[in-house]
C-alpha atoms as a PDB file:
ATOM      1  CA  MET A   1       0.000   0.000   0.000  1.00  0.00           C
ATOM      2  CA  LYS A   2       2.790   2.363   0.856  1.00  0.00           C
ATOM      3  CA  ALA A   3       4.507   1.773  -2.488  1.00  0.00           C
ATOM      4  CA  THR A   4       1.241   2.275  -4.312  1.00  0.00           C
ATOM      5  CA  SER A   5       0.582   5.543  -2.449  1.00  0.00           C
ATOM      6  CA  THR A   6       4.070   6.783  -3.270  1.00  0.00           C
ATOM      7  CA  PHE A   7       3.569   5.971  -6.945  1.00  0.00           C
ATOM      8  CA  ASN A   8       0.239   7.782  -7.071  1.00  0.00           C
ATOM      9  CA  LEU A   9       1.604  10.854  -5.345  1.00  0.00           C
ATOM     10  CA  THR A  10       4.534  11.033  -7.741  1.00  0.00           C
ATOM     11  CA  THR A  11       2.246  10.618 -10.700  1.00  0.00           C
ATOM     12  CA  LEU A  12      -0.070  13.336  -9.501  1.00  0.00           C
ATOM     13  CA  MET A  13       2.854  15.722  -8.939  1.00  0.00           C
ATOM     14  CA  THR A  14       4.126  15.063 -12.456  1.00  0.00           C
ATOM     15  CA  ILE A  15       0.680  15.707 -13.966  1.00  0.00           C
ATOM     16  CA  ALA A  16       0.269  18.924 -11.991  1.00  0.00           C
ATOM     17  CA  ALA A  17       3.648  20.185 -13.120  1.00  0.00           C
ATOM     18  CA  SER A  18       2.768  19.426 -16.721  1.00  0.00           C
ATOM     19  CA  ILE A  19      -0.518  21.319 -16.472  1.00  0.00           C
ATOM     20  CA  SER A  20       1.222  24.302 -14.867  1.00  0.00           C
ATOM     21  CA  LEU A  21       3.880  24.357 -17.583  1.00  0.00           C
ATOM     22  CA  ALA A  22       1.291  24.151 -20.324  1.00  0.00           C
ATOM     23  CA  ALA A  23      -0.753  26.973 -18.780  1.00  0.00           C
ATOM     24  CA  CYS A  24       2.315  29.212 -18.758  1.00  0.00           C
ATOM     25  CA  GLY A  25       3.043  28.470 -22.381  1.00  0.00           C
ATOM     26  CA  GLY A  26       5.796  26.037 -21.689  1.00  0.00           C
ATOM     27  CA  SER A  27       9.271  26.729 -22.870  1.00  0.00           C
ATOM     28  CA  SER A  28       8.246  27.291 -26.523  1.00  0.00           C
ATOM     29  CA  SER A  29       7.312  30.695 -28.051  1.00  0.00           C
ATOM     30  CA  PRO A  30       3.930  31.313 -29.751  1.00  0.00           C
ATOM     31  CA  ALA A  31       3.927  31.211 -33.542  1.00  0.00           C
ATOM     32  CA  ALA A  32       4.474  34.598 -35.185  1.00  0.00           C
ATOM     33  CA  PRO A  33       1.468  35.951 -37.134  1.00  0.00           C
ATOM     34  CA  THR A  34       1.609  35.127 -40.814  1.00  0.00           C
ATOM     35  CA  ALA A  35       1.949  38.171 -43.084  1.00  0.00           C
ATOM     36  CA  PRO A  36      -0.808  38.388 -45.733  1.00  0.00           C
ATOM     37  CA  THR A  37       0.191  37.279 -49.195  1.00  0.00           C
ATOM     38  CA  TYR A  38      -1.026  38.870 -52.428  1.00  0.00           C
ATOM     39  CA  PRO A  39      -0.950  37.792 -56.061  1.00  0.00           C
ATOM     40  CA  ALA A  40       1.390  39.652 -58.388  1.00  0.00           C
ATOM     41  CA  THR A  41      -1.612  41.424 -59.941  1.00  0.00           C
ATOM     42  CA  MET A  42      -5.068  42.075 -58.512  1.00  0.00           C
ATOM     43  CA  GLN A  43      -8.329  42.860 -60.303  1.00  0.00           C
ATOM     44  CA  VAL A  44      -9.995  46.113 -59.237  1.00  0.00           C
ATOM     45  CA  SER A  45     -13.606  47.257 -59.662  1.00  0.00           C
ATOM     46  CA  ILE A  46     -14.472  50.786 -58.495  1.00  0.00           C
ATOM     47  CA  ASN A  47     -18.212  51.404 -58.328  1.00  0.00           C
ATOM     48  CA  PHE A  48     -20.014  54.765 -58.472  1.00  0.00           C
ATOM     49  CA  ASP A  49     -23.540  55.977 -57.854  1.00  0.00           C
ATOM     50  CA  LEU A  50     -25.522  59.202 -57.410  1.00  0.00           C
ATOM     51  CA  LEU A  51     -26.644  60.424 -53.999  1.00  0.00           C
ATOM     52  CA  ALA A  52     -29.237  63.003 -52.929  1.00  0.00           C
ATOM     53  CA  ASN A  53     -30.656  63.589 -49.450  1.00  0.00           C
ATOM     54  CA  GLY A  54     -28.821  60.499 -48.222  1.00  0.00           C
ATOM     55  CA  SER A  55     -30.331  58.067 -50.750  1.00  0.00           C
ATOM     56  CA  ALA A  56     -29.260  56.750 -54.134  1.00  0.00           C
ATOM     57  CA  VAL A  57     -30.994  58.412 -57.097  1.00  0.00           C
ATOM     58  CA  LYS A  58     -31.041  57.852 -60.827  1.00  0.00           C
ATOM     59  CA  CYS A  59     -31.713  59.799 -63.984  1.00  0.00           C
ATOM     60  CA  GLY A  60     -35.310  61.030 -64.055  1.00  0.00           C
ATOM     61  CA  THR A  61     -35.615  61.183 -60.254  1.00  0.00           C
ATOM     62  CA  ALA A  62     -37.341  64.220 -58.727  1.00  0.00           C
ATOM     63  CA  ILE A  63     -34.920  65.479 -56.067  1.00  0.00           C
ATOM     64  CA  THR A  64     -35.900  67.832 -53.245  1.00  0.00           C
ATOM     65  CA  SER A  65     -33.852  70.390 -51.300  1.00  0.00           C
ATOM     66  CA  LEU A  66     -31.285  71.237 -53.968  1.00  0.00           C
ATOM     67  CA  GLY A  67     -29.306  74.459 -53.833  1.00  0.00           C
ATOM     68  CA  SER A  68     -29.750  77.664 -51.867  1.00  0.00           C
ATOM     69  CA  LYS A  69     -33.531  77.775 -52.466  1.00  0.00           C
ATOM     70  CA  ALA A  70     -34.128  74.097 -51.507  1.00  0.00           C
ATOM     71  CA  THR A  71     -35.445  73.556 -55.024  1.00  0.00           C
ATOM     72  CA  THR A  72     -37.135  70.398 -56.263  1.00  0.00           C
ATOM     73  CA  ALA A  73     -35.706  69.371 -59.629  1.00  0.00           C
ATOM     74  CA  GLU A  74     -35.749  66.360 -61.928  1.00  0.00           C
ATOM     75  CA  LEU A  75     -32.374  64.874 -62.762  1.00  0.00           C
ATOM     76  CA  LYS A  76     -31.892  65.135 -66.522  1.00  0.00           C
ATOM     77  CA  ASP A  77     -28.266  64.162 -67.154  1.00  0.00           C
ATOM     78  CA  ALA A  78     -25.389  62.833 -65.057  1.00  0.00           C
ATOM     79  CA  ARG A  79     -22.059  61.634 -66.457  1.00  0.00           C
ATOM     80  CA  PHE A  80     -18.377  62.383 -66.056  1.00  0.00           C
ATOM     81  CA  TYR A  81     -14.938  61.325 -67.251  1.00  0.00           C
ATOM     82  CA  VAL A  82     -12.456  59.862 -64.751  1.00  0.00           C
ATOM     83  CA  SER A  83      -8.704  59.721 -65.360  1.00  0.00           C
ATOM     84  CA  ASN A  84      -5.395  59.368 -63.491  1.00  0.00           C
ATOM     85  CA  VAL A  85      -6.863  56.715 -61.158  1.00  0.00           C
ATOM     86  CA  ASN A  86      -4.594  55.615 -58.302  1.00  0.00           C
ATOM     87  CA  LEU A  87      -5.018  53.448 -55.220  1.00  0.00           C
ATOM     88  CA  ILE A  88      -3.229  54.626 -52.077  1.00  0.00           C
ATOM     89  CA  ASP A  89      -1.131  51.957 -50.361  1.00  0.00           C
ATOM     90  CA  ALA A  90      -0.210  51.545 -46.686  1.00  0.00           C
ATOM     91  CA  ASN A  91       2.778  53.871 -47.162  1.00  0.00           C
ATOM     92  CA  ASP A  92       0.623  56.651 -48.688  1.00  0.00           C
ATOM     93  CA  LYS A  93       2.069  55.941 -52.123  1.00  0.00           C
ATOM     94  CA  ALA A  94      -0.216  56.491 -55.126  1.00  0.00           C
ATOM     95  CA  VAL A  95      -0.215  53.320 -57.243  1.00  0.00           C
ATOM     96  CA  PRO A  96      -1.692  53.723 -60.755  1.00  0.00           C
ATOM     97  CA  VAL A  97      -4.634  51.548 -61.745  1.00  0.00           C
ATOM     98  CA  THR A  98      -4.112  50.029 -65.192  1.00  0.00           C
ATOM     99  CA  LEU A  99      -7.506  50.466 -66.842  1.00  0.00           C
ATOM    100  CA  THR A 100      -8.998  47.571 -68.808  1.00  0.00           C
ATOM    101  CA  ALA A 101     -10.097  48.722 -72.266  1.00  0.00           C
ATOM    102  CA  ASN A 102     -13.793  48.240 -73.067  1.00  0.00           C
ATOM    103  CA  ASP A 103     -16.719  50.247 -74.453  1.00  0.00           C
ATOM    104  CA  TRP A 104     -16.552  52.658 -71.499  1.00  0.00           C
ATOM    105  CA  GLN A 105     -12.827  53.148 -71.022  1.00  0.00           C
ATOM    106  CA  ASN A 106      -9.467  53.079 -72.706  1.00  0.00           C
ATOM    107  CA  ASP A 107      -6.102  52.850 -70.974  1.00  0.00           C
ATOM    108  CA  LYS A 108      -6.270  56.531 -69.891  1.00  0.00           C
ATOM    109  CA  VAL A 109      -9.847  57.546 -69.159  1.00  0.00           C
ATOM    110  CA  SER A 110     -13.217  56.077 -68.193  1.00  0.00           C
ATOM    111  CA  LEU A 111     -16.729  57.441 -68.759  1.00  0.00           C
ATOM    112  CA  ILE A 112     -19.233  57.066 -65.935  1.00  0.00           C
ATOM    113  CA  SER A 113     -22.770  57.554 -67.251  1.00  0.00           C
ATOM    114  CA  PHE A 114     -26.112  57.364 -65.435  1.00  0.00           C
ATOM    115  CA  VAL A 115     -28.259  58.451 -68.414  1.00  0.00           C
ATOM    116  CA  ASP A 116     -30.617  55.484 -68.800  1.00  0.00           C
ATOM    117  CA  GLY A 117     -33.460  57.163 -70.712  1.00  0.00           C
ATOM    118  CA  SER A 118     -35.921  56.228 -67.965  1.00  0.00           C
ATOM    119  CA  SER A 119     -37.887  59.482 -68.282  1.00  0.00           C
ATOM    120  CA  VAL A 120     -38.735  62.043 -70.942  1.00  0.00           C
ATOM    121  CA  ALA A 121     -36.284  64.504 -69.382  1.00  0.00           C
ATOM    122  CA  CYS A 122     -33.624  61.796 -69.383  1.00  0.00           C
ATOM    123  CA  GLY A 123     -34.047  60.974 -73.060  1.00  0.00           C
ATOM    124  CA  GLY A 124     -37.152  58.784 -73.147  1.00  0.00           C
ATOM    125  CA  VAL A 125     -35.293  55.970 -74.925  1.00  0.00           C
ATOM    126  CA  THR A 126     -33.485  53.175 -73.092  1.00  0.00           C
ATOM    127  CA  LEU A 127     -29.753  53.818 -73.042  1.00  0.00           C
ATOM    128  CA  PRO A 128     -26.811  51.771 -71.714  1.00  0.00           C
ATOM    129  CA  THR A 129     -25.199  53.028 -68.531  1.00  0.00           C
ATOM    130  CA  ASN A 130     -21.880  52.515 -66.808  1.00  0.00           C
ATOM    131  CA  ALA A 131     -21.122  52.940 -63.110  1.00  0.00           C
ATOM    132  CA  VAL A 132     -17.846  51.048 -62.717  1.00  0.00           C
ATOM    133  CA  ILE A 133     -14.148  51.441 -63.477  1.00  0.00           C
ATOM    134  CA  THR A 134     -12.246  48.185 -63.946  1.00  0.00           C
ATOM    135  CA  GLY A 135      -8.529  47.541 -64.011  1.00  0.00           C
ATOM    136  CA  THR A 136      -5.563  45.959 -62.281  1.00  0.00           C
ATOM    137  CA  VAL A 137      -2.999  46.959 -59.644  1.00  0.00           C
ATOM    138  CA  PRO A 138       0.096  45.260 -58.212  1.00  0.00           C
ATOM    139  CA  GLY A 139      -0.801  42.934 -55.364  1.00  0.00           C
ATOM    140  CA  ALA A 140      -0.728  44.830 -52.034  1.00  0.00           C
ATOM    141  CA  ALA A 141      -2.913  46.277 -49.291  1.00  0.00           C
ATOM    142  CA  TYR A 142      -4.624  49.546 -50.242  1.00  0.00           C
ATOM    143  CA  LYS A 143      -6.413  52.052 -48.035  1.00  0.00           C
ATOM    144  CA  GLY A 144      -7.534  54.917 -50.292  1.00  0.00           C
ATOM    145  CA  ILE A 145      -8.011  56.249 -53.811  1.00  0.00           C
ATOM    146  CA  SER A 146      -7.299  59.358 -55.874  1.00  0.00           C
ATOM    147  CA  TYR A 147      -8.436  60.374 -59.356  1.00  0.00           C
ATOM    148  CA  GLU A 148      -9.255  63.339 -61.577  1.00  0.00           C
ATOM    149  CA  ILE A 149     -12.544  64.388 -63.102  1.00  0.00           C
ATOM    150  CA  GLY A 150     -11.339  65.244 -66.575  1.00  0.00           C
ATOM    151  CA  VAL A 151      -9.805  64.032 -69.814  1.00  0.00           C
ATOM    152  CA  PRO A 152      -5.998  64.069 -70.169  1.00  0.00           C
ATOM    153  CA  THR A 153      -4.771  67.023 -72.217  1.00  0.00           C
ATOM    154  CA  GLU A 154      -3.325  64.852 -74.979  1.00  0.00           C
ATOM    155  CA  LEU A 155      -6.725  63.203 -75.543  1.00  0.00           C
ATOM    156  CA  ASN A 156      -9.055  66.102 -74.843  1.00  0.00           C
ATOM    157  CA  HIS A 157      -8.842  68.225 -77.983  1.00  0.00           C
ATOM    158  CA  THR A 158      -9.808  65.720 -80.637  1.00  0.00           C
ATOM    159  CA  ASP A 159     -12.747  65.271 -82.992  1.00  0.00           C
ATOM    160  CA  TYR A 160     -15.318  63.207 -81.129  1.00  0.00           C
ATOM    161  CA  ALA A 161     -16.655  61.774 -84.398  1.00  0.00           C
ATOM    162  CA  ALA A 162     -13.263  60.229 -85.167  1.00  0.00           C
ATOM    163  CA  ALA A 163     -12.306  59.347 -81.591  1.00  0.00           C
ATOM    164  CA  ALA A 164     -12.351  55.865 -80.112  1.00  0.00           C
ATOM    165  CA  LYS A 165     -14.588  54.940 -77.180  1.00  0.00           C
ATOM    166  CA  PRO A 166     -15.262  56.448 -74.684  1.00  0.00           C
ATOM    167  CA  LEU A 167     -14.307  59.827 -76.227  1.00  0.00           C
ATOM    168  CA  ASN A 168     -16.738  59.485 -79.136  1.00  0.00           C
ATOM    169  CA  VAL A 169     -19.824  60.679 -77.225  1.00  0.00           C
ATOM    170  CA  GLN A 170     -21.273  63.738 -78.940  1.00  0.00           C
ATOM    171  CA  ALA A 171     -23.168  64.851 -75.826  1.00  0.00           C
ATOM    172  CA  MET A 172     -19.846  65.164 -73.956  1.00  0.00           C
ATOM    173  CA  ALA A 173     -18.105  67.204 -76.677  1.00  0.00           C
ATOM    174  CA  TRP A 174     -17.528  70.977 -76.686  1.00  0.00           C
ATOM    175  CA  SER A 175     -17.296  71.881 -80.350  1.00  0.00           C
ATOM    176  CA  TRP A 176     -15.869  75.363 -79.855  1.00  0.00           C
ATOM    177  CA  THR A 177     -12.689  74.041 -78.252  1.00  0.00           C
ATOM    178  CA  SER A 178     -12.722  70.519 -79.719  1.00  0.00           C
ATOM    179  CA  GLY A 179     -12.609  69.454 -76.095  1.00  0.00           C
ATOM    180  CA  ARG A 180     -14.803  67.471 -73.733  1.00  0.00           C
ATOM    181  CA  LYS A 181     -17.221  68.207 -70.973  1.00  0.00           C
ATOM    182  CA  PHE A 182     -15.417  66.573 -68.062  1.00  0.00           C
ATOM    183  CA  MET A 183     -18.626  66.524 -66.030  1.00  0.00           C
ATOM    184  CA  LYS A 184     -22.190  67.000 -67.246  1.00  0.00           C
ATOM    185  CA  LEU A 185     -24.862  67.396 -64.557  1.00  0.00           C
ATOM    186  CA  GLU A 186     -28.231  68.815 -65.595  1.00  0.00           C
ATOM    187  CA  VAL A 187     -31.458  69.275 -63.634  1.00  0.00           C
ATOM    188  CA  ASN A 188     -34.897  70.587 -64.542  1.00  0.00           C
ATOM    189  CA  PRO A 189     -36.165  72.677 -61.607  1.00  0.00           C
ATOM    190  CA  VAL A 190     -39.905  72.640 -60.961  1.00  0.00           C
ATOM    191  CA  GLY A 191     -41.208  75.933 -62.370  1.00  0.00           C
ATOM    192  CA  GLY A 192     -38.214  76.354 -64.658  1.00  0.00           C
ATOM    193  CA  VAL A 193     -35.288  78.771 -64.493  1.00  0.00           C
ATOM    194  CA  ASP A 194     -35.662  82.554 -64.636  1.00  0.00           C
ATOM    195  CA  VAL A 195     -32.989  83.774 -67.046  1.00  0.00           C
ATOM    196  CA  VAL A 196     -32.460  87.378 -65.966  1.00  0.00           C
ATOM    197  CA  ARG A 197     -30.456  89.755 -68.138  1.00  0.00           C
ATOM    198  CA  THR A 198     -29.734  93.429 -67.479  1.00  0.00           C
ATOM    199  CA  ASN A 199     -28.878  95.795 -70.310  1.00  0.00           C
ATOM    200  CA  THR A 200     -26.614  98.481 -68.857  1.00  0.00           C
ATOM    201  CA  THR A 201     -26.267 100.343 -72.161  1.00  0.00           C
ATOM    202  CA  THR A 202     -29.710 101.868 -71.741  1.00  0.00           C
ATOM    203  CA  THR A 203     -30.633 104.713 -69.439  1.00  0.00           C
ATOM    204  CA  PRO A 204     -31.944 103.619 -67.072  1.00  0.00           C
ATOM    205  CA  PRO A 205     -30.707  99.982 -67.360  1.00  0.00           C
ATOM    206  CA  THR A 206     -33.412  97.578 -68.503  1.00  0.00           C
ATOM    207  CA  THR A 207     -33.962  94.067 -67.249  1.00  0.00           C
ATOM    208  CA  THR A 208     -35.595  91.192 -69.110  1.00  0.00           C
ATOM    209  CA  THR A 209     -36.566  87.761 -67.807  1.00  0.00           C
ATOM    210  CA  ASN A 210     -37.074  84.638 -69.895  1.00  0.00           C
ATOM    211  CA  LYS A 211     -37.684  81.027 -68.949  1.00  0.00           C
ATOM    212  CA  ALA A 212     -35.395  78.031 -69.409  1.00  0.00           C
ATOM    213  CA  ASN A 213     -36.092  74.410 -68.497  1.00  0.00           C
ATOM    214  CA  THR A 214     -32.631  73.273 -67.394  1.00  0.00           C
ATOM    215  CA  TRP A 215     -29.906  74.417 -64.995  1.00  0.00           C
ATOM    216  CA  ASN A 216     -26.615  73.030 -66.308  1.00  0.00           C
ATOM    217  CA  VAL A 217     -23.250  72.162 -64.805  1.00  0.00           C
ATOM    218  CA  HIS A 218     -20.761  71.582 -67.619  1.00  0.00           C
ATOM    219  CA  LEU A 219     -17.204  71.296 -66.348  1.00  0.00           C
ATOM    220  CA  GLY A 220     -14.406  71.561 -68.885  1.00  0.00           C
ATOM    221  CA  SER A 221     -11.212  73.412 -69.737  1.00  0.00           C
ATOM    222  CA  GLY A 222     -11.574  77.108 -70.558  1.00  0.00           C
ATOM    223  CA  GLY A 223      -9.637  79.828 -72.329  1.00  0.00           C
ATOM    224  CA  CYS A 224      -8.631  77.371 -75.043  1.00  0.00           C
ATOM    225  CA  THR A 225      -6.985  78.488 -78.279  1.00  0.00           C
ATOM    226  CA  THR A 226      -5.498  76.579 -81.174  1.00  0.00           C
ATOM    227  CA  ASN A 227      -2.163  77.010 -82.909  1.00  0.00           C
ATOM    228  CA  ALA A 228      -2.974  77.578 -86.577  1.00  0.00           C
ATOM    229  CA  THR A 229       0.298  75.988 -87.673  1.00  0.00           C
ATOM    230  CA  THR A 230       0.345  72.864 -85.527  1.00  0.00           C
ATOM    231  CA  GLY A 231      -3.380  72.525 -84.849  1.00  0.00           C
ATOM    232  CA  THR A 232      -2.690  71.963 -81.145  1.00  0.00           C
ATOM    233  CA  TYR A 233      -4.719  73.512 -78.346  1.00  0.00           C
ATOM    234  CA  SER A 234      -3.666  75.259 -75.163  1.00  0.00           C
ATOM    235  CA  CYS A 235      -5.996  76.328 -72.359  1.00  0.00           C
ATOM    236  CA  THR A 236      -5.533  78.949 -69.668  1.00  0.00           C
ATOM    237  CA  ASN A 237      -7.914  77.161 -67.257  1.00  0.00           C
ATOM    238  CA  SER A 238      -7.447  73.418 -66.848  1.00  0.00           C
ATOM    239  CA  ASN A 239     -10.519  72.968 -64.604  1.00  0.00           C
ATOM    240  CA  ARG A 240      -9.688  69.358 -63.773  1.00  0.00           C
ATOM    241  CA  MET A 241     -11.059  68.322 -60.396  1.00  0.00           C
ATOM    242  CA  LEU A 242      -8.759  66.354 -58.086  1.00  0.00           C
ATOM    243  CA  VAL A 243     -10.457  63.841 -55.777  1.00  0.00           C
ATOM    244  CA  LYS A 244      -8.730  61.990 -52.957  1.00  0.00           C
ATOM    245  CA  LEU A 245     -10.460  59.658 -50.497  1.00  0.00           C
ATOM    246  CA  ALA A 246      -7.991  58.778 -47.744  1.00  0.00           C
ATOM    247  CA  SER A 247     -10.174  55.872 -46.616  1.00  0.00           C
ATOM    248  CA  PHE A 248     -11.677  53.712 -49.344  1.00  0.00           C
ATOM    249  CA  ASP A 249     -11.999  49.928 -49.757  1.00  0.00           C
ATOM    250  CA  TYR A 250     -13.046  49.024 -53.286  1.00  0.00           C
ATOM    251  CA  ASN A 251     -14.148  45.564 -52.116  1.00  0.00           C
ATOM    252  CA  THR A 252     -16.760  46.836 -49.655  1.00  0.00           C
ATOM    253  CA  GLN A 253     -17.413  50.453 -50.660  1.00  0.00           C
ATOM    254  CA  LYS A 254     -18.594  52.514 -53.615  1.00  0.00           C
ATOM    255  CA  ILE A 255     -18.078  56.195 -54.426  1.00  0.00           C
ATOM    256  CA  SER A 256     -21.151  58.426 -54.411  1.00  0.00           C
ATOM    257  CA  LEU A 257     -21.480  61.780 -56.153  1.00  0.00           C
ATOM    258  CA  ASP A 258     -23.522  63.858 -53.670  1.00  0.00           C
ATOM    259  CA  LEU A 259     -25.794  66.198 -55.637  1.00  0.00           C
ATOM    260  CA  ASN A 260     -26.744  68.209 -52.554  1.00  0.00           C
ATOM    261  CA  ALA A 261     -23.059  68.971 -51.980  1.00  0.00           C
ATOM    262  CA  LEU A 262     -22.504  69.832 -55.644  1.00  0.00           C
ATOM    263  CA  PHE A 263     -25.368  72.340 -55.832  1.00  0.00           C
ATOM    264  CA  ALA A 264     -24.937  73.786 -52.322  1.00  0.00           C
ATOM    265  CA  GLY A 265     -25.055  77.590 -52.527  1.00  0.00           C
ATOM    266  CA  SER A 266     -26.441  77.708 -56.081  1.00  0.00           C
ATOM    267  CA  ASP A 267     -29.864  79.214 -56.851  1.00  0.00           C
ATOM    268  CA  LEU A 268     -31.303  76.723 -59.343  1.00  0.00           C
ATOM    269  CA  THR A 269     -34.344  78.897 -60.015  1.00  0.00           C
ATOM    270  CA  THR A 270     -32.369  81.806 -61.486  1.00  0.00           C
ATOM    271  CA  ASP A 271     -29.547  82.476 -63.933  1.00  0.00           C
ATOM    272  CA  LEU A 272     -27.825  85.851 -64.064  1.00  0.00           C
ATOM    273  CA  ALA A 273     -24.962  85.531 -66.547  1.00  0.00           C
ATOM    274  CA  GLY A 274     -23.646  83.490 -69.446  1.00  0.00           C
ATOM    275  CA  ALA A 275     -25.312  80.265 -70.557  1.00  0.00           C
ATOM    276  CA  THR A 276     -27.965  78.903 -68.208  1.00  0.00           C
ATOM    277  CA  GLY A 277     -26.290  77.405 -65.157  1.00  0.00           C
ATOM    278  CA  CYS A 278     -22.517  76.999 -64.980  1.00  0.00           C
ATOM    279  CA  MET A 279     -20.538  76.387 -68.173  1.00  0.00           C
ATOM    280  CA  SER A 280     -17.092  76.817 -66.610  1.00  0.00           C
ATOM    281  CA  GLY A 281     -16.858  80.474 -67.604  1.00  0.00           C
ATOM    282  CA  ALA A 282     -14.196  82.263 -65.582  1.00  0.00           C
ATOM    283  CA  THR A 283     -16.452  85.318 -65.203  1.00  0.00           C
ATOM    284  CA  ASP A 284     -19.773  83.460 -64.902  1.00  0.00           C
ATOM    285  CA  THR A 285     -21.175  84.396 -61.482  1.00  0.00           C
ATOM    286  CA  ASP A 286     -23.444  81.330 -61.564  1.00  0.00           C
ATOM    287  CA  CYS A 287     -20.269  79.190 -61.420  1.00  0.00           C
ATOM    288  CA  LYS A 288     -19.015  80.704 -58.164  1.00  0.00           C
ATOM    289  CA  ALA A 289     -20.641  78.269 -55.714  1.00  0.00           C
ATOM    290  CA  ILE A 290     -20.205  75.265 -58.031  1.00  0.00           C
ATOM    291  CA  PHE A 291     -16.453  75.809 -58.397  1.00  0.00           C
ATOM    292  CA  GLU A 292     -16.061  76.427 -54.658  1.00  0.00           C
ATOM    293  CA  ASN A 293     -17.643  73.016 -54.066  1.00  0.00           C
ATOM    294  CA  LEU A 294     -15.444  71.396 -56.722  1.00  0.00           C
ATOM    295  CA  LYS A 295     -12.392  73.036 -55.088  1.00  0.00           C
ATOM    296  CA  ILE A 296     -11.333  74.653 -58.357  1.00  0.00           C
ATOM    297  CA  ASN A 297     -10.290  78.297 -58.601  1.00  0.00           C
ATOM    298  CA  LEU A 298     -12.849  79.845 -60.967  1.00  0.00           C
ATOM    299  CA  ALA A 299     -10.461  82.565 -62.151  1.00  0.00           C
ATOM    300  CA  THR A 300      -7.444  80.321 -62.857  1.00  0.00           C
ATOM    301  CA  GLY A 301      -8.811  76.791 -63.202  1.00  0.00           C
ATOM    302  CA  ALA A 302      -6.306  75.423 -60.679  1.00  0.00           C
ATOM    303  CA  THR A 303      -7.138  73.004 -57.873  1.00  0.00           C
ATOM    304  CA  THR A 304      -7.547  74.954 -54.634  1.00  0.00           C
ATOM    305  CA  SER A 305      -6.798  72.053 -52.281  1.00  0.00           C
ATOM    306  CA  ALA A 306      -5.161  68.658 -52.396  1.00  0.00           C
ATOM    307  CA  GLY A 307      -8.358  66.758 -53.116  1.00  0.00           C
ATOM    308  CA  VAL A 308     -10.167  67.954 -49.979  1.00  0.00           C
ATOM    309  CA  GLN A 309     -13.771  68.066 -51.156  1.00  0.00           C
ATOM    310  CA  SER A 310     -17.244  66.850 -50.138  1.00  0.00           C
ATOM    311  CA  ILE A 311     -18.721  66.060 -53.548  1.00  0.00           C
ATOM    312  CA  PHE A 312     -17.512  62.455 -53.763  1.00  0.00           C
ATOM    313  CA  LEU A 313     -18.033  60.221 -50.719  1.00  0.00           C
ATOM    314  CA  ALA A 314     -17.092  56.621 -49.856  1.00  0.00           C
ATOM    315  CA  ARG A 315     -20.144  54.575 -48.813  1.00  0.00           C
ATOM    316  CA  SER A 316     -20.908  50.917 -48.210  1.00  0.00           C
ATOM    317  CA  LYS A 317     -21.986  48.954 -51.282  1.00  0.00           C
END
């Protein structure tokens, strides 16, 4: 009995020591966390949509609370060119996205278009739309995105009728500069637009008011002239909008163009100068609020901040 008791006590002590050692992790170190691995090249899809009053909208939608007069307006047109697309890596380095050529993009620029023809104002005939940019990037972790609203200079001043997709869209062409509308946003305010013009050459000055259906935002380069010898164009005002979202995950998020933010400060019921709405004229007073929201200097066409804007937002898909 004594021998048996001794054996049991020894066994129990050995077991207890083993349990204690295991609980403390023993003499071995825990395995180091495995670093994530990435393929050499990754596919990227960057999705866009339109936002108003916190909800997604589409062409033909009646939108309330737009601009300084909280105007209700029907969305008539919404499309824009995107170029110089980069993802931002963990070291804040901008890594170019190699665009995949298709009907909506070439290797330099992509056209985002929400014009589906779903209403009379929006065309009345079914049209194809595109709300995604596709491409590839080197395999890595990415935390943000940057891009420009605009067409690269070397591609901008070309004949749309002879251009390859997506630069062959007549509705996005500006014939007087052989350039492109970088962004085309048009709304039809309920009650129309009062086009007010004052003639200061008369004594006293006379004012006339006419009606228009649409308040336009057409963003594009201004002050453009052509060299008669070479046929090349140069523009005093680039008017390309820089966008940078420091936090953006293309797998789980999309980018929304917020129409309330775009039209903030603009009176959509009235037009006081130039073509109706804002046509990127450097002296067009109706462009003042629009360009402030785009963070573009109206007088010079230069970006006024390093992509700090509230027009484009990252939201969950």
